[in-house]
């Protein structure tokens, strides 16, 4: 599965991207995370559906100093993984 995720709230300058990358690596998820100019964090994540759901739960909580107001997810089926690792961009 592939999830395209947008996280809104106090999610920039609080270690959110590092938190996201760490969670992804622990759950064997590949893809990327980046800060957007509109203040949101954007994530593309590929992996097993069960692991992606655990990953999303972590993103909804975020690191201690963050405050997540909204998480929007678009789900796509994937037939082939397009990423080799999880990167902060």
Protein backbone atom coordinates (compact mmCIF):
# COMPACT_ATOMS: atom_id res chain seq x y z
CA UNK A 1 0.00 0.00 0.00
CA UNK A 2 0.97 3.61 -0.44
CA UNK A 3 -0.27 6.50 1.69
CA UNK A 4 0.04 10.17 0.77
CA UNK A 5 -0.34 12.07 4.03
CA UNK A 6 -0.62 15.75 4.98
CA UNK A 7 -0.24 16.73 8.64
CA UNK A 8 -1.43 20.13 9.86
CA UNK A 9 -0.76 21.81 13.20
CA UNK A 10 2.39 22.70 15.10
CA UNK A 11 4.46 20.27 13.06
CA UNK A 12 7.39 22.31 11.77
CA UNK A 13 10.48 23.21 13.81
CA UNK A 14 9.56 20.58 16.42
CA UNK A 15 11.48 17.54 15.10
CA UNK A 16 8.47 16.13 13.28
CA UNK A 17 10.37 15.00 10.18
CA UNK A 18 13.01 13.21 12.26
CA UNK A 19 10.26 11.61 14.38
CA UNK A 20 8.49 10.50 11.19
CA UNK A 21 11.63 9.01 9.64
CA UNK A 22 12.45 7.12 12.83
CA UNK A 23 8.93 5.69 13.08
CA UNK A 24 8.96 4.69 9.41
CA UNK A 25 12.28 2.87 9.70
CA UNK A 26 11.11 0.93 12.78
CA UNK A 27 7.98 -0.18 10.90
CA UNK A 28 9.83 -1.08 7.66
CA UNK A 29 8.14 1.72 5.72
CA UNK A 30 9.82 3.42 2.77
CA UNK A 31 9.16 6.82 1.22
CA UNK A 32 9.82 10.40 2.26
CA UNK A 33 8.80 13.30 4.50
CA UNK A 34 9.16 17.05 3.92
CA UNK A 35 8.01 20.42 5.23
CA UNK A 36 5.73 22.36 2.90
CA UNK A 37 5.66 26.14 2.55
CA UNK A 38 2.07 26.21 3.87
CA UNK A 39 3.22 24.91 7.29
CA UNK A 40 2.11 21.33 6.73
CA UNK A 41 4.28 18.23 6.73
CA UNK A 42 3.86 15.98 3.70
CA UNK A 43 4.60 12.25 3.74
CA UNK A 44 4.60 9.55 1.09
CA UNK A 45 4.82 6.12 2.70
CA UNK A 46 4.81 2.61 1.28
CA UNK A 47 4.60 -0.64 3.20
CA UNK A 48 2.34 -3.32 4.59
CA UNK A 49 -1.11 -1.97 5.44
CA UNK A 50 -0.85 -3.01 9.11
CA UNK A 51 2.47 -1.17 9.48
CA UNK A 52 1.13 1.89 7.67
CA UNK A 53 -1.81 2.04 10.08
CA UNK A 54 0.57 1.86 13.06
CA UNK A 55 2.66 4.59 11.40
CA UNK A 56 -0.38 6.86 11.00
CA UNK A 57 -1.23 6.42 14.69
CA UNK A 58 2.26 7.64 15.56
CA UNK A 59 1.93 10.61 13.20
CA UNK A 60 -1.37 11.61 14.79
CA UNK A 61 0.43 11.79 18.14
CA UNK A 62 3.71 13.27 16.85
CA UNK A 63 6.75 14.15 18.96
CA UNK A 64 6.12 15.61 22.43
CA UNK A 65 6.51 19.27 21.43
CA UNK A 66 4.24 19.03 18.39
CA UNK A 67 0.48 19.52 18.20
CA UNK A 68 -1.26 17.67 15.39
CA UNK A 69 -4.56 19.27 14.38
CA UNK A 70 -5.36 17.26 11.27
CA UNK A 71 -4.07 14.26 9.31
CA UNK A 72 -5.37 13.75 5.76
CA UNK A 73 -4.59 10.45 4.07
CA UNK A 74 -5.05 9.34 0.49
CA UNK A 75 -4.55 5.61 0.06
CA UNK A 76 -3.26 3.97 -3.13
CA UNK A 77 -2.68 0.33 -3.94
CA UNK A 78 0.85 -0.37 -5.10
CA UNK A 79 2.08 -3.25 -7.16
CA UNK A 80 5.75 -2.40 -6.80
CA UNK A 81 7.66 -0.44 -4.18
CA UNK A 82 9.23 2.64 -5.74
CA UNK A 83 11.45 3.59 -2.78
CA UNK A 84 14.43 1.81 -1.24
CA UNK A 85 14.48 3.66 2.10
CA UNK A 86 12.76 6.46 4.03
CA UNK A 87 14.24 9.91 3.48
CA UNK A 88 13.86 13.40 4.90
CA UNK A 89 13.73 15.85 2.00
